Amino acid sequence: MAWRPGFVEMRLEVRLELCNANELLHARLTTQFIKAAREGDVLTILGAWRPSTSRSPFAETEIHDQNGDLIATGTGTFRYLKGEEAAD
């Protein structure tokens, strides 16, 4: 795992309870699936906040399997809740 402001890298072992009825991993956000991930795969997730001039930060992610193959990409726009502030 690695972390620095605006970037995170983490690993996730796919478990059956994270899979859909077809035993494939599924995620929410705007996601482009390139290859299926199955139970037992170990995924590396890379995520980054992108600079924004608005109060709606934009994030991008890439997910790779244990062989380094690209599994999926994702993007999302988020909003801070009332009273929350952006982390510096």
PDB file of N, CA and C in Angstrom:
ATOM      1  N   MET A   1       0.837  -1.189   0.000  1.00  0.00           N
ATOM      2  CA  MET A   1       0.000   0.000   0.000  1.00  0.00           C
ATOM      3  C   MET A   1       0.870   1.237   0.000  1.00  0.00           C
ATOM      4  N   ALA A   2       0.383   2.259  -0.657  1.00  0.00           N
ATOM      5  CA  ALA A   2       1.086   3.536  -0.679  1.00  0.00           C
ATOM      6  C   ALA A   2       0.045   4.644  -0.634  1.00  0.00           C
ATOM      7  N   TRP A   3       0.415   5.752  -0.050  1.00  0.00           N
ATOM      8  CA  TRP A   3      -0.487   6.892   0.016  1.00  0.00           C
ATOM      9  C   TRP A   3       0.335   8.160   0.030  1.00  0.00           C
ATOM     10  N   ARG A   4      -0.166   9.157  -0.673  1.00  0.00           N
ATOM     11  CA  ARG A   4       0.349  10.523  -0.599  1.00  0.00           C
ATOM     12  C   ARG A   4      -0.816  11.421  -0.995  1.00  0.00           C
ATOM     13  N   PRO A   5      -0.768  12.691  -0.677  1.00  0.00           N
ATOM     14  CA  PRO A   5      -1.901  13.546  -1.016  1.00  0.00           C
ATOM     15  C   PRO A   5      -2.282  13.426  -2.495  1.00  0.00           C
ATOM     16  N   GLY A   6      -3.536  13.103  -2.734  1.00  0.00           N
ATOM     17  CA  GLY A   6      -4.046  13.002  -4.087  1.00  0.00           C
ATOM     18  C   GLY A   6      -3.847  11.663  -4.758  1.00  0.00           C
ATOM     19  N   PHE A   7      -3.231  10.680  -4.065  1.00  0.00           N
ATOM     20  CA  PHE A   7      -2.957   9.380  -4.691  1.00  0.00           C
ATOM     21  C   PHE A   7      -3.011   8.267  -3.651  1.00  0.00           C
ATOM     22  N   VAL A   8      -3.530   7.108  -4.055  1.00  0.00           N
ATOM     23  CA  VAL A   8      -3.535   5.934  -3.191  1.00  0.00           C
ATOM     24  C   VAL A   8      -3.285   4.692  -4.029  1.00  0.00           C
ATOM     25  N   GLU A   9      -2.574   3.739  -3.458  1.00  0.00           N
ATOM     26  CA  GLU A   9      -2.409   2.413  -4.054  1.00  0.00           C
ATOM     27  C   GLU A   9      -2.732   1.400  -2.970  1.00  0.00           C
ATOM     28  N   MET A  10      -3.602   0.437  -3.293  1.00  0.00           N
ATOM     29  CA  MET A  10      -3.944  -0.598  -2.324  1.00  0.00           C
ATOM     30  C   MET A  10      -4.164  -1.917  -3.046  1.00  0.00           C
ATOM     31  N   ARG A  11      -4.222  -3.001  -2.282  1.00  0.00           N
ATOM     32  CA  ARG A  11      -4.464  -4.328  -2.839  1.00  0.00           C
ATOM     33  C   ARG A  11      -5.719  -4.918  -2.232  1.00  0.00           C
ATOM     34  N   LEU A  12      -6.377  -5.758  -3.018  1.00  0.00           N
ATOM     35  CA  LEU A  12      -7.615  -6.394  -2.598  1.00  0.00           C
ATOM     36  C   LEU A  12      -7.651  -7.803  -3.150  1.00  0.00           C
ATOM     37  N   GLU A  13      -7.835  -8.780  -2.271  1.00  0.00           N
ATOM     38  CA  GLU A  13      -8.072 -10.133  -2.751  1.00  0.00           C
ATOM     39  C   GLU A  13      -9.565 -10.288  -2.979  1.00  0.00           C
ATOM     40  N   VAL A  14      -9.918 -10.710  -4.188  1.00  0.00           N
ATOM     41  CA  VAL A  14     -11.331 -10.861  -4.527  1.00  0.00           C
ATOM     42  C   VAL A  14     -11.896 -12.042  -3.750  1.00  0.00           C
ATOM     43  N   ARG A  15     -12.964 -11.771  -2.978  1.00  0.00           N
ATOM     44  CA  ARG A  15     -13.651 -12.803  -2.207  1.00  0.00           C
ATOM     45  C   ARG A  15     -15.044 -12.993  -2.797  1.00  0.00           C
ATOM     46  N   LEU A  16     -15.587 -14.158  -2.620  1.00  0.00           N
ATOM     47  CA  LEU A  16     -16.871 -14.505  -3.212  1.00  0.00           C
ATOM     48  C   LEU A  16     -17.968 -13.504  -2.841  1.00  0.00           C
ATOM     49  N   GLU A  17     -17.954 -13.010  -1.595  1.00  0.00           N
ATOM     50  CA  GLU A  17     -19.015 -12.075  -1.184  1.00  0.00           C
ATOM     51  C   GLU A  17     -18.917 -10.717  -1.895  1.00  0.00           C
ATOM     52  N   LEU A  18     -17.814 -10.447  -2.586  1.00  0.00           N
ATOM     53  CA  LEU A  18     -17.665  -9.215  -3.353  1.00  0.00           C
ATOM     54  C   LEU A  18     -18.114  -9.385  -4.803  1.00  0.00           C
ATOM     55  N   CYS A  19     -18.433 -10.605  -5.193  1.00  0.00           N
ATOM     56  CA  CYS A  19     -18.767 -10.924  -6.579  1.00  0.00           C
ATOM     57  C   CYS A  19     -20.274 -10.917  -6.812  1.00  0.00           C
ATOM     58  N   ASN A  20     -20.645 -10.813  -8.090  1.00  0.00           N
ATOM     59  CA  ASN A  20     -22.052 -10.862  -8.447  1.00  0.00           C
ATOM     60  C   ASN A  20     -22.491 -12.323  -8.621  1.00  0.00           C
ATOM     61  N   ALA A  21     -23.702 -12.545  -9.130  1.00  0.00           N
ATOM     62  CA  ALA A  21     -24.246 -13.899  -9.283  1.00  0.00           C
ATOM     63  C   ALA A  21     -23.432 -14.755 -10.252  1.00  0.00           C
ATOM     64  N   ASN A  22     -22.682 -14.110 -11.146  1.00  0.00           N
ATOM     65  CA  ASN A  22     -21.823 -14.840 -12.082  1.00  0.00           C
ATOM     66  C   ASN A  22     -20.421 -15.074 -11.524  1.00  0.00           C
ATOM     67  N   GLU A  23     -20.252 -14.754 -10.229  1.00  0.00           N
ATOM     68  CA  GLU A  23     -18.976 -14.880  -9.527  1.00  0.00           C
ATOM     69  C   GLU A  23     -17.880 -14.012 -10.138  1.00  0.00           C
ATOM     70  N   LEU A  24     -18.283 -12.827 -10.630  1.00  0.00           N
ATOM     71  CA  LEU A  24     -17.364 -11.834 -11.174  1.00  0.00           C
ATOM     72  C   LEU A  24     -17.432 -10.580 -10.323  1.00  0.00           C
ATOM     73  N   LEU A  25     -16.286  -9.937 -10.139  1.00  0.00           N
ATOM     74  CA  LEU A  25     -16.237  -8.709  -9.362  1.00  0.00           C
ATOM     75  C   LEU A  25     -16.927  -7.590 -10.123  1.00  0.00           C
ATOM     76  N   HIS A  26     -17.704  -6.785  -9.408  1.00  0.00           N
ATOM     77  CA  HIS A  26     -18.410  -5.660 -10.013  1.00  0.00           C
ATOM     78  C   HIS A  26     -18.241  -4.448  -9.121  1.00  0.00           C
ATOM     79  N   ALA A  27     -18.148  -3.276  -9.737  1.00  0.00           N
ATOM     80  CA  ALA A  27     -17.968  -2.040  -8.979  1.00  0.00           C
ATOM     81  C   ALA A  27     -18.981  -1.001  -9.418  1.00  0.00           C
ATOM     82  N   ARG A  28     -19.192  -0.002  -8.557  1.00  0.00           N
ATOM     83  CA  ARG A  28     -20.026   1.152  -8.912  1.00  0.00           C
ATOM     84  C   ARG A  28     -19.096   2.308  -9.205  1.00  0.00           C
ATOM     85  N   LEU A  29     -19.486   3.298  -9.876  1.00  0.00           N
ATOM     86  CA  LEU A  29     -18.819   4.466 -10.469  1.00  0.00           C
ATOM     87  C   LEU A  29     -18.968   4.285 -11.967  1.00  0.00           C
ATOM     88  N   THR A  30     -18.437   5.211 -12.738  1.00  0.00           N
ATOM     89  CA  THR A  30     -18.369   5.028 -14.177  1.00  0.00           C
ATOM     90  C   THR A  30     -17.188   4.107 -14.425  1.00  0.00           C
ATOM     91  N   THR A  31     -17.458   2.883 -14.790  1.00  0.00           N
ATOM     92  CA  THR A  31     -16.427   1.850 -14.858  1.00  0.00           C
ATOM     93  C   THR A  31     -16.354   1.252 -16.255  1.00  0.00           C
ATOM     94  N   GLN A  32     -15.147   1.087 -16.741  1.00  0.00           N
ATOM     95  CA  GLN A  32     -14.905   0.412 -18.008  1.00  0.00           C
ATOM     96  C   GLN A  32     -14.218  -0.914 -17.677  1.00  0.00           C
ATOM     97  N   PHE A  33     -14.947  -2.012 -17.854  1.00  0.00           N
ATOM     98  CA  PHE A  33     -14.374  -3.327 -17.570  1.00  0.00           C
ATOM     99  C   PHE A  33     -13.630  -3.828 -18.792  1.00  0.00           C
ATOM    100  N   ILE A  34     -12.383  -4.213 -18.619  1.00  0.00           N
ATOM    101  CA  ILE A  34     -11.558  -4.696 -19.710  1.00  0.00           C
ATOM    102  C   ILE A  34     -11.414  -6.211 -19.641  1.00  0.00           C
ATOM    103  N   LYS A  35     -11.327  -6.743 -18.428  1.00  0.00           N
ATOM    104  CA  LYS A  35     -11.109  -8.170 -18.202  1.00  0.00           C
ATOM    105  C   LYS A  35     -11.805  -8.540 -16.893  1.00  0.00           C
ATOM    106  N   ALA A  36     -12.309  -9.758 -16.787  1.00  0.00           N
ATOM    107  CA  ALA A  36     -12.997 -10.197 -15.571  1.00  0.00           C
ATOM    108  C   ALA A  36     -12.004 -10.479 -14.445  1.00  0.00           C
ATOM    109  N   ALA A  37     -12.430 -10.199 -13.220  1.00  0.00           N
ATOM    110  CA  ALA A  37     -11.697 -10.584 -12.015  1.00  0.00           C
ATOM    111  C   ALA A  37     -12.553 -11.601 -11.283  1.00  0.00           C
ATOM    112  N   ARG A  38     -11.896 -12.655 -10.814  1.00  0.00           N
ATOM    113  CA  ARG A  38     -12.618 -13.749 -10.161  1.00  0.00           C
ATOM    114  C   ARG A  38     -12.067 -14.001  -8.759  1.00  0.00           C
ATOM    115  N   GLU A  39     -12.821 -14.768  -7.999  1.00  0.00           N
ATOM    116  CA  GLU A  39     -12.414 -15.123  -6.642  1.00  0.00           C
ATOM    117  C   GLU A  39     -10.978 -15.634  -6.647  1.00  0.00           C
ATOM    118  N   GLY A  40     -10.172 -15.124  -5.724  1.00  0.00           N
ATOM    119  CA  GLY A  40      -8.778 -15.519  -5.592  1.00  0.00           C
ATOM    120  C   GLY A  40      -7.803 -14.587  -6.289  1.00  0.00           C
ATOM    121  N   ASP A  41      -8.282 -13.790  -7.253  1.00  0.00           N
ATOM    122  CA  ASP A  41      -7.403 -12.803  -7.883  1.00  0.00           C
ATOM    123  C   ASP A  41      -6.978 -11.781  -6.835  1.00  0.00           C
ATOM    124  N   VAL A  42      -5.777 -11.270  -6.968  1.00  0.00           N
ATOM    125  CA  VAL A  42      -5.293 -10.205  -6.095  1.00  0.00           C
ATOM    126  C   VAL A  42      -5.138  -8.966  -6.960  1.00  0.00           C
ATOM    127  N   LEU A  43      -5.923  -7.954  -6.647  1.00  0.00           N
ATOM    128  CA  LEU A  43      -5.977  -6.751  -7.461  1.00  0.00           C
ATOM    129  C   LEU A  43      -5.190  -5.618  -6.825  1.00  0.00           C
ATOM    130  N   THR A  44      -4.544  -4.823  -7.664  1.00  0.00           N
ATOM    131  CA  THR A  44      -3.895  -3.593  -7.237  1.00  0.00           C
ATOM    132  C   THR A  44      -4.727  -2.444  -7.766  1.00  0.00           C
ATOM    133  N   ILE A  45      -5.146  -1.571  -6.862  1.00  0.00           N
ATOM    134  CA  ILE A  45      -6.000  -0.446  -7.209  1.00  0.00           C
ATOM    135  C   ILE A  45      -5.186   0.833  -7.080  1.00  0.00           C
ATOM    136  N   LEU A  46      -5.124   1.598  -8.154  1.00  0.00           N
ATOM    137  CA  LEU A  46      -4.433   2.877  -8.167  1.00  0.00           C
ATOM    138  C   LEU A  46      -5.483   3.963  -8.326  1.00  0.00           C
ATOM    139  N   GLY A  47      -5.525   4.911  -7.423  1.00  0.00           N
ATOM    140  CA  GLY A  47      -6.520   5.975  -7.494  1.00  0.00           C
ATOM    141  C   GLY A  47      -5.881   7.330  -7.324  1.00  0.00           C
ATOM    142  N   ALA A  48      -6.402   8.312  -8.046  1.00  0.00           N
ATOM    143  CA  ALA A  48      -5.846   9.664  -7.964  1.00  0.00           C
ATOM    144  C   ALA A  48      -6.954  10.697  -8.063  1.00  0.00           C
ATOM    145  N   TRP A  49      -6.856  11.733  -7.223  1.00  0.00           N
ATOM    146  CA  TRP A  49      -7.716  12.912  -7.345  1.00  0.00           C
ATOM    147  C   TRP A  49      -7.101  13.783  -8.414  1.00  0.00           C
ATOM    148  N   ARG A  50      -7.922  14.371  -9.258  1.00  0.00           N
ATOM    149  CA  ARG A  50      -7.444  15.291 -10.289  1.00  0.00           C
ATOM    150  C   ARG A  50      -7.783  16.711  -9.881  1.00  0.00           C
ATOM    151  N   PRO A  51      -6.871  17.641 -10.156  1.00  0.00           N
ATOM    152  CA  PRO A  51      -7.129  19.036  -9.784  1.00  0.00           C
ATOM    153  C   PRO A  51      -8.439  19.539 -10.372  1.00  0.00           C
ATOM    154  N   SER A  52      -9.135  20.343  -9.593  1.00  0.00           N
ATOM    155  CA  SER A  52     -10.414  20.896 -10.019  1.00  0.00           C
ATOM    156  C   SER A  52     -10.565  22.293  -9.453  1.00  0.00           C
ATOM    157  N   THR A  53     -11.166  23.162 -10.229  1.00  0.00           N
ATOM    158  CA  THR A  53     -11.420  24.524  -9.746  1.00  0.00           C
ATOM    159  C   THR A  53     -12.774  24.609  -9.064  1.00  0.00           C
ATOM    160  N   SER A  54     -13.548  23.530  -9.107  1.00  0.00           N
ATOM    161  CA  SER A  54     -14.872  23.537  -8.479  1.00  0.00           C
ATOM    162  C   SER A  54     -14.813  22.819  -7.134  1.00  0.00           C
ATOM    163  N   ARG A  55     -15.955  22.759  -6.451  1.00  0.00           N
ATOM    164  CA  ARG A  55     -16.030  22.032  -5.189  1.00  0.00           C
ATOM    165  C   ARG A  55     -16.432  20.580  -5.419  1.00  0.00           C
ATOM    166  N   SER A  56     -16.307  20.106  -6.661  1.00  0.00           N
ATOM    167  CA  SER A  56     -16.636  18.725  -7.020  1.00  0.00           C
ATOM    168  C   SER A  56     -15.371  18.026  -7.500  1.00  0.00           C
ATOM    169  N   PRO A  57     -14.611  17.407  -6.601  1.00  0.00           N
ATOM    170  CA  PRO A  57     -13.367  16.750  -7.000  1.00  0.00           C
ATOM    171  C   PRO A  57     -13.631  15.600  -7.968  1.00  0.00           C
ATOM    172  N   PHE A  58     -12.675  15.361  -8.825  1.00  0.00           N
ATOM    173  CA  PHE A  58     -12.742  14.315  -9.835  1.00  0.00           C
ATOM    174  C   PHE A  58     -11.680  13.269  -9.512  1.00  0.00           C
ATOM    175  N   ALA A  59     -12.048  11.995  -9.577  1.00  0.00           N
ATOM    176  CA  ALA A  59     -11.104  10.918  -9.275  1.00  0.00           C
ATOM    177  C   ALA A  59     -11.053   9.936 -10.437  1.00  0.00           C
ATOM    178  N   GLU A  60      -9.878   9.342 -10.619  1.00  0.00           N
ATOM    179  CA  GLU A  60      -9.678   8.300 -11.620  1.00  0.00           C
ATOM    180  C   GLU A  60      -9.039   7.099 -10.944  1.00  0.00           C
ATOM    181  N   THR A  61      -9.308   5.913 -11.467  1.00  0.00           N
ATOM    182  CA  THR A  61      -8.700   4.713 -10.912  1.00  0.00           C
ATOM    183  C   THR A  61      -8.365   3.721 -12.021  1.00  0.00           C
ATOM    184  N   GLU A  62      -7.339   2.919 -11.772  1.00  0.00           N
ATOM    185  CA  GLU A  62      -6.997   1.772 -12.607  1.00  0.00           C
ATOM    186  C   GLU A  62      -6.894   0.570 -11.694  1.00  0.00           C
ATOM    187  N   ILE A  63      -7.345  -0.566 -12.173  1.00  0.00           N
ATOM    188  CA  ILE A  63      -7.267  -1.802 -11.402  1.00  0.00           C
ATOM    189  C   ILE A  63      -6.526  -2.834 -12.240  1.00  0.00           C
ATOM    190  N   HIS A  64      -5.488  -3.429 -11.651  1.00  0.00           N
ATOM    191  CA  HIS A  64      -4.663  -4.439 -12.325  1.00  0.00           C
ATOM    192  C   HIS A  64      -4.712  -5.741 -11.532  1.00  0.00           C
ATOM    193  N   ASP A  65      -4.603  -6.872 -12.230  1.00  0.00           N
ATOM    194  CA  ASP A  65      -4.572  -8.157 -11.517  1.00  0.00           C
ATOM    195  C   ASP A  65      -3.142  -8.518 -11.137  1.00  0.00           C
ATOM    196  N   GLN A  66      -2.979  -9.695 -10.531  1.00  0.00           N
ATOM    197  CA  GLN A  66      -1.677 -10.133 -10.036  1.00  0.00           C
ATOM    198  C   GLN A  66      -0.657 -10.331 -11.155  1.00  0.00           C
ATOM    199  N   ASN A  67      -1.117 -10.408 -12.408  1.00  0.00           N
ATOM    200  CA  ASN A  67      -0.213 -10.546 -13.550  1.00  0.00           C
ATOM    201  C   ASN A  67       0.135  -9.194 -14.173  1.00  0.00           C
ATOM    202  N   GLY A  68      -0.427  -8.125 -13.616  1.00  0.00           N
ATOM    203  CA  GLY A  68      -0.191  -6.795 -14.151  1.00  0.00           C
ATOM    204  C   GLY A  68      -1.149  -6.414 -15.266  1.00  0.00           C
ATOM    205  N   ASP A  69      -2.101  -7.306 -15.595  1.00  0.00           N
ATOM    206  CA  ASP A  69      -3.075  -7.013 -16.646  1.00  0.00           C
ATOM    207  C   ASP A  69      -4.094  -5.989 -16.157  1.00  0.00           C
ATOM    208  N   LEU A  70      -4.457  -5.052 -17.021  1.00  0.00           N
ATOM    209  CA  LEU A  70      -5.471  -4.057 -16.698  1.00  0.00           C
ATOM    210  C   LEU A  70      -6.834  -4.725 -16.662  1.00  0.00           C
ATOM    211  N   ILE A  71      -7.519  -4.629 -15.522  1.00  0.00           N
ATOM    212  CA  ILE A  71      -8.842  -5.222 -15.331  1.00  0.00           C
ATOM    213  C   ILE A  71      -9.937  -4.196 -15.619  1.00  0.00           C
ATOM    214  N   ALA A  72      -9.761  -2.973 -15.105  1.00  0.00           N
ATOM    215  CA  ALA A  72     -10.801  -1.964 -15.255  1.00  0.00           C
ATOM    216  C   ALA A  72     -10.225  -0.572 -15.023  1.00  0.00           C
ATOM    217  N   THR A  73     -10.945   0.408 -15.542  1.00  0.00           N
ATOM    218  CA  THR A  73     -10.668   1.801 -15.239  1.00  0.00           C
ATOM    219  C   THR A  73     -11.968   2.414 -14.727  1.00  0.00           C
ATOM    220  N   GLY A  74     -11.853   3.465 -13.967  1.00  0.00           N
ATOM    221  CA  GLY A  74     -13.057   4.109 -13.450  1.00  0.00           C
ATOM    222  C   GLY A  74     -12.824   5.591 -13.233  1.00  0.00           C
ATOM    223  N   THR A  75     -13.917   6.334 -13.279  1.00  0.00           N
ATOM    224  CA  THR A  75     -13.878   7.763 -12.999  1.00  0.00           C
ATOM    225  C   THR A  75     -15.089   8.130 -12.156  1.00  0.00           C
ATOM    226  N   GLY A  76     -14.981   9.201 -11.444  1.00  0.00           N
ATOM    227  CA  GLY A  76     -16.098   9.654 -10.646  1.00  0.00           C
ATOM    228  C   GLY A  76     -15.932  11.107 -10.251  1.00  0.00           C
ATOM    229  N   THR A  77     -17.037  11.786 -10.131  1.00  0.00           N
ATOM    230  CA  THR A  77     -17.065  13.152  -9.617  1.00  0.00           C
ATOM    231  C   THR A  77     -17.788  13.106  -8.283  1.00  0.00           C
ATOM    232  N   PHE A  78     -17.231  13.754  -7.292  1.00  0.00           N
ATOM    233  CA  PHE A  78     -17.753  13.675  -5.939  1.00  0.00           C
ATOM    234  C   PHE A  78     -18.105  15.058  -5.430  1.00  0.00           C
ATOM    235  N   ARG A  79     -18.938  15.104  -4.429  1.00  0.00           N
ATOM    236  CA  ARG A  79     -19.313  16.367  -3.798  1.00  0.00           C
ATOM    237  C   ARG A  79     -19.063  16.258  -2.299  1.00  0.00           C
ATOM    238  N   TYR A  80     -18.568  17.336  -1.734  1.00  0.00           N
ATOM    239  CA  TYR A  80     -18.389  17.380  -0.291  1.00  0.00           C
ATOM    240  C   TYR A  80     -19.748  17.579   0.367  1.00  0.00           C
ATOM    241  N   LEU A  81     -19.958  16.931   1.496  1.00  0.00           N
ATOM    242  CA  LEU A  81     -21.172  17.152   2.275  1.00  0.00           C
ATOM    243  C   LEU A  81     -21.073  18.484   2.987  1.00  0.00           C
ATOM    244  N   LYS A  82     -22.204  19.047   3.339  1.00  0.00           N
ATOM    245  CA  LYS A  82     -22.222  20.318   4.041  1.00  0.00           C
ATOM    246  C   LYS A  82     -21.354  20.212   5.295  1.00  0.00           C
ATOM    247  N   GLY A  83     -20.447  21.144   5.468  1.00  0.00           N
ATOM    248  CA  GLY A  83     -19.555  21.147   6.616  1.00  0.00           C
ATOM    249  C   GLY A  83     -18.227  20.471   6.379  1.00  0.00           C
ATOM    250  N   GLU A  84     -18.110  19.704   5.299  1.00  0.00           N
ATOM    251  CA  GLU A  84     -16.820  19.060   4.966  1.00  0.00           C
ATOM    252  C   GLU A  84     -15.940  20.028   4.216  1.00  0.00           C
ATOM    253  N   GLU A  85     -14.659  19.853   4.357  1.00  0.00           N
ATOM    254  CA  GLU A  85     -13.692  20.663   3.646  1.00  0.00           C
ATOM    255  C   GLU A  85     -12.737  19.751   2.907  1.00  0.00           C
ATOM    256  N   ALA A  86     -12.170  20.263   1.837  1.00  0.00           N
ATOM    257  CA  ALA A  86     -11.168  19.512   1.072  1.00  0.00           C
ATOM    258  C   ALA A  86      -9.920  19.361   1.918  1.00  0.00           C
ATOM    259  N   ALA A  87      -9.310  18.167   1.855  1.00  0.00           N
ATOM    260  CA  ALA A  87      -8.038  17.932   2.558  1.00  0.00           C
ATOM    261  C   ALA A  87      -6.904  18.512   1.748  1.00  0.00           C
ATOM    262  N   ASP A  88      -5.972  19.157   2.424  1.00  0.00           N
ATOM    263  CA  ASP A  88      -4.814  19.725   1.712  1.00  0.00           C
ATOM    264  C   ASP A  88      -3.722  18.709   1.592  1.00  0.00           C
TER     265      ASP A  88
END
